[in-house]
Amino acid sequence: LTELQINSRFSFREKFYINEFKRISLGSRYPVFIVDLTFGGKNIIGSDYTYQKLKTNILGKFNINPVGYIYYNLESGKIFGTVPFPLTTLHPANQSLAYDVEGFNTMNYFEFASDRYVSMYLDHHFDGFFLNKIPVVKNAQLREVISARGVAGDLSSRNKQEMILPEGMSDVRKPYVEYSAGIENIFKVLRIDYIWRGTHFSPVSKQDNWAIKARFSLSF
């Protein structure tokens, strides 16, 4: 496998903190646009396939005073050419105990693959809008957060036929959606979420349709 990647990022009026060793982004009030291009060439250092991949992201956050703010990430991708399923987009599942803000936290590994797709992630941080109104509880400075994540895509017949798909893998023409509700700023460093599937429910066990996960997340 041999690939050439070109990545570009545009952020209007983004501010940075710069010292002798690092450049740290302070963000922008405007959306960030990211375009990734990948080129694969057959017979180049043993590569077996010729293909091109295009992925775009629009991400950022906006305030909803006084009810916190929303972080969003809109993504789309497409593969041109014929490739086996390992070279398609294997949507990022997460079966670990840690909450992954960039993955699907109730999706199984190798459950869905696409050669064209769109996905969306919304994360609403209430910044204690409700909990700060409860006596005693407000002293802990806990903060509420809710999220929604979904993906819809397709896997063309030519790519399905290039290599036999593993058992349980399919495309995602029926959108996959999951939701979560949680508390962050626990001891200033911890976030805990209850996550559940909104579609593609497991026929085996209801416990596969939900999870409770935590992640370290510094809040200021």
Protein backbone atom coordinates (compact mmCIF):
# COMPACT_ATOMS: atom_id res chain seq x y z
CA LEU A 1 0.00 0.00 0.00
CA THR A 2 1.45 3.35 -1.10
CA GLU A 3 -0.38 6.64 -0.58
CA LEU A 4 0.21 10.34 -1.08
CA GLN A 5 -1.80 12.65 1.15
CA ILE A 6 -2.50 16.37 0.83
CA ASN A 7 -4.14 18.16 3.75
CA SER A 8 -5.44 21.70 3.83
CA ARG A 9 -7.08 23.73 6.59
CA PHE A 10 -8.71 27.16 6.47
CA SER A 11 -9.81 29.10 9.53
CA PHE A 12 -10.88 32.72 9.11
CA ARG A 13 -9.38 35.11 11.68
CA GLU A 14 -8.04 32.32 13.86
CA LYS A 15 -5.92 33.55 16.77
CA PHE A 16 -2.76 31.88 18.09
CA TYR A 17 -0.52 32.05 21.11
CA ILE A 18 3.10 31.76 19.98
CA ASN A 19 6.24 31.35 22.07
CA GLU A 20 9.74 30.11 21.31
CA PHE A 21 8.70 26.47 21.03
CA LYS A 22 4.96 26.17 20.32
CA ARG A 23 2.09 27.68 18.44
CA ILE A 24 -1.24 27.10 20.21
CA SER A 25 -4.57 27.83 18.53
CA LEU A 26 -6.97 30.01 20.50
CA GLY A 27 -9.75 29.22 18.05
CA SER A 28 -11.94 31.32 15.83
CA ARG A 29 -15.54 32.43 15.98
CA TYR A 30 -15.88 31.21 12.39
CA PRO A 31 -16.12 27.62 11.09
CA VAL A 32 -12.95 25.72 10.27
CA PHE A 33 -12.78 24.03 6.85
CA ILE A 34 -10.57 20.98 6.32
CA VAL A 35 -9.98 19.11 3.06
CA ASP A 36 -7.97 15.88 2.90
CA LEU A 37 -6.97 14.27 -0.42
CA THR A 38 -5.40 10.82 -0.64
CA PHE A 39 -3.95 9.27 -3.79
CA GLY A 40 -3.10 5.59 -4.14
CA GLY A 41 -1.18 4.28 -7.15
CA LYS A 42 -0.97 0.72 -8.42
CA ASN A 43 2.47 -0.87 -8.82
CA ILE A 44 4.13 1.84 -6.73
CA ILE A 45 6.29 0.14 -4.06
CA GLY A 46 4.09 -2.93 -4.17
CA SER A 47 0.71 -1.19 -4.13
CA ASP A 48 -2.15 -3.16 -5.73
CA TYR A 49 -4.80 -0.48 -6.25
CA THR A 50 -5.29 2.90 -7.86
CA TYR A 51 -7.78 5.14 -6.06
CA GLN A 52 -8.45 8.63 -4.73
CA LYS A 53 -10.06 9.61 -1.46
CA LEU A 54 -11.69 12.95 -0.66
CA LYS A 55 -12.70 13.92 2.88
CA THR A 56 -14.06 17.28 4.04
CA ASN A 57 -14.86 18.64 7.49
CA ILE A 58 -16.64 21.76 8.68
CA LEU A 59 -16.25 22.18 12.42
CA GLY A 60 -16.47 24.79 15.13
CA LYS A 61 -18.64 25.97 17.96
CA PHE A 62 -21.17 28.69 18.62
CA ASN A 63 -22.52 30.14 21.83
CA ILE A 64 -26.17 29.95 22.83
CA ASN A 65 -26.22 32.36 25.75
CA PRO A 66 -27.20 31.74 28.44
CA VAL A 67 -27.53 28.00 27.65
CA GLY A 68 -23.88 27.17 26.99
CA TYR A 69 -22.49 26.38 23.56
CA ILE A 70 -22.60 23.75 20.81
CA TYR A 71 -19.58 22.09 19.23
CA TYR A 72 -20.23 20.62 15.77
CA ASN A 73 -18.39 18.60 13.16
CA LEU A 74 -19.89 17.91 9.73
CA GLU A 75 -17.94 15.41 7.63
CA SER A 76 -18.26 13.89 4.18
CA GLY A 77 -16.14 11.47 2.24
CA LYS A 78 -15.93 9.68 -1.09
CA ILE A 79 -13.60 7.10 -2.63
CA PHE A 80 -12.97 7.02 -6.37
CA GLY A 81 -11.80 3.70 -7.76
CA THR A 82 -12.21 0.05 -6.81
CA VAL A 83 -10.77 -1.03 -3.46
CA PRO A 84 -11.28 -3.87 -0.94
CA PHE A 85 -13.12 -3.11 2.28
CA PRO A 86 -9.94 -2.44 4.36
CA LEU A 87 -9.27 0.59 2.13
CA THR A 88 -12.83 1.93 2.36
CA THR A 89 -13.99 4.13 5.23
CA LEU A 90 -14.38 1.92 8.29
CA HIS A 91 -16.47 4.15 10.51
CA PRO A 92 -14.72 4.77 13.85
CA ALA A 93 -16.26 2.43 16.40
CA ASN A 94 -15.29 2.47 20.06
CA GLN A 95 -15.80 -0.61 22.23
CA SER A 96 -13.42 0.48 24.97
CA LEU A 97 -14.50 1.77 28.39
CA ALA A 98 -13.32 5.31 27.58
CA TYR A 99 -15.60 7.84 25.90
CA ASP A 100 -14.31 8.87 22.47
CA VAL A 101 -15.53 12.23 21.18
CA GLU A 102 -14.37 11.30 17.66
CA GLY A 103 -15.88 7.81 17.52
CA PHE A 104 -19.21 6.00 17.73
CA ASN A 105 -19.33 4.76 21.30
CA THR A 106 -21.95 2.02 20.87
CA MET A 107 -20.83 0.86 17.42
CA ASN A 108 -18.94 -2.43 17.11
CA TYR A 109 -15.60 -2.68 15.35
CA PHE A 110 -15.95 -3.47 11.62
CA GLU A 111 -19.73 -3.03 11.79
CA PHE A 112 -20.08 -0.48 8.96
CA ALA A 113 -18.04 0.48 5.90
CA SER A 114 -18.66 3.08 3.18
CA ASP A 115 -17.08 4.43 0.04
CA ARG A 116 -19.22 7.56 0.23
CA TYR A 117 -20.81 8.99 3.36
CA VAL A 118 -21.86 12.00 5.39
CA SER A 119 -21.67 12.21 9.17
CA MET A 120 -22.56 14.74 11.84
CA TYR A 121 -21.54 15.28 15.46
CA LEU A 122 -23.23 17.75 17.83
CA ASP A 123 -22.09 18.30 21.42
CA HIS A 124 -24.13 20.72 23.54
CA HIS A 125 -22.43 21.93 26.73
CA PHE A 126 -24.94 23.60 29.07
CA ASP A 127 -22.21 24.92 31.40
CA GLY A 128 -24.30 24.21 34.50
CA PHE A 129 -27.41 26.02 33.28
CA PHE A 130 -29.67 23.56 35.15
CA LEU A 131 -27.44 22.10 37.88
CA ASN A 132 -26.29 25.50 39.09
CA LYS A 133 -29.87 26.23 40.11
CA ILE A 134 -30.00 23.27 42.53
CA PRO A 135 -28.89 24.05 46.11
CA VAL A 136 -25.87 22.09 47.38
CA VAL A 137 -25.37 20.50 43.92
CA LYS A 138 -24.28 23.84 42.50
CA ASN A 139 -21.32 23.87 44.87
CA ALA A 140 -19.79 20.96 42.93
CA GLN A 141 -19.86 23.07 39.72
CA LEU A 142 -21.04 20.11 37.64
CA ARG A 143 -22.00 20.76 34.03
CA GLU A 144 -24.54 19.03 31.82
CA VAL A 145 -23.76 17.88 28.28
CA ILE A 146 -25.80 16.12 25.60
CA SER A 147 -24.60 14.79 22.25
CA ALA A 148 -25.87 13.31 19.02
CA ARG A 149 -23.83 11.57 16.33
CA GLY A 150 -24.92 9.99 13.07
CA VAL A 151 -23.64 8.66 9.78
CA ALA A 152 -25.24 7.61 6.51
CA GLY A 153 -23.36 6.09 3.60
CA ASP A 154 -23.13 3.51 0.89
CA LEU A 155 -20.73 0.79 -0.23
CA SER A 156 -20.83 0.24 -3.98
CA SER A 157 -21.31 -3.24 -5.40
CA ARG A 158 -17.88 -3.19 -7.09
CA ASN A 159 -16.15 -2.65 -3.75
CA LYS A 160 -18.31 -5.26 -2.03
CA GLN A 161 -17.22 -7.79 -4.64
CA GLU A 162 -13.52 -6.91 -4.44
CA MET A 163 -13.17 -8.78 -1.13
CA ILE A 164 -15.64 -10.80 0.95
CA LEU A 165 -16.96 -8.65 3.80
CA PRO A 166 -16.49 -9.97 7.34
CA GLU A 167 -19.56 -11.43 9.00
CA GLY A 168 -21.65 -8.65 10.52
CA MET A 169 -20.25 -5.86 8.33
CA SER A 170 -22.62 -3.87 6.13
CA ASP A 171 -23.05 -0.47 4.58
CA VAL A 172 -24.98 2.21 6.39
CA ARG A 173 -27.71 3.17 3.94
CA LYS A 174 -30.04 3.20 6.92
CA PRO A 175 -28.44 5.98 9.01
CA TYR A 176 -26.69 4.96 12.21
CA VAL A 177 -27.49 7.32 15.08
CA GLU A 178 -26.49 7.40 18.72
CA TYR A 179 -27.18 9.84 21.54
CA SER A 180 -25.60 10.58 24.88
CA ALA A 181 -26.29 12.54 28.05
CA GLY A 182 -23.67 13.17 30.67
CA ILE A 183 -22.04 15.22 33.35
CA GLU A 184 -18.68 16.93 32.96
CA ASN A 185 -16.36 18.86 35.25
CA ILE A 186 -16.52 16.05 37.85
CA PHE A 187 -13.59 16.81 40.16
CA LYS A 188 -12.62 19.31 37.42
CA VAL A 189 -11.22 16.54 35.19
CA LEU A 190 -13.83 13.85 34.50
CA ARG A 191 -16.76 13.46 32.12
CA ILE A 192 -19.20 10.53 32.33
CA ASP A 193 -21.81 9.81 29.62
CA TYR A 194 -24.69 7.43 29.18
CA ILE A 195 -24.81 6.56 25.45
CA TRP A 196 -27.54 4.72 23.56
CA ARG A 197 -28.28 3.70 20.00
CA GLY A 198 -31.08 5.43 18.16
CA THR A 199 -31.03 2.97 15.22
CA HIS A 200 -29.56 -0.44 14.27
CA PHE A 201 -30.54 -2.07 17.55
CA SER A 202 -28.77 -5.30 18.43
CA PRO A 203 -30.94 -8.42 17.94
CA VAL A 204 -28.74 -10.35 20.37
CA SER A 205 -28.80 -8.37 23.60
CA LYS A 206 -30.36 -5.10 24.72
CA GLN A 207 -27.17 -4.38 26.66
CA ASP A 208 -25.36 -3.94 23.33
CA ASN A 209 -27.56 -0.90 22.62
CA TRP A 210 -26.20 1.29 25.43
CA ALA A 211 -23.03 2.01 27.38
CA ILE A 212 -21.67 4.15 30.19
CA LYS A 213 -18.25 5.62 29.49
CA ALA A 214 -15.90 8.18 30.98
CA ARG A 215 -13.06 10.36 29.77
CA PHE A 216 -10.64 12.85 31.30
CA SER A 217 -11.57 16.34 30.17
CA LEU A 218 -10.12 19.46 31.73
CA SER A 219 -12.64 22.26 32.13
CA PHE A 220 -11.88 25.91 32.76
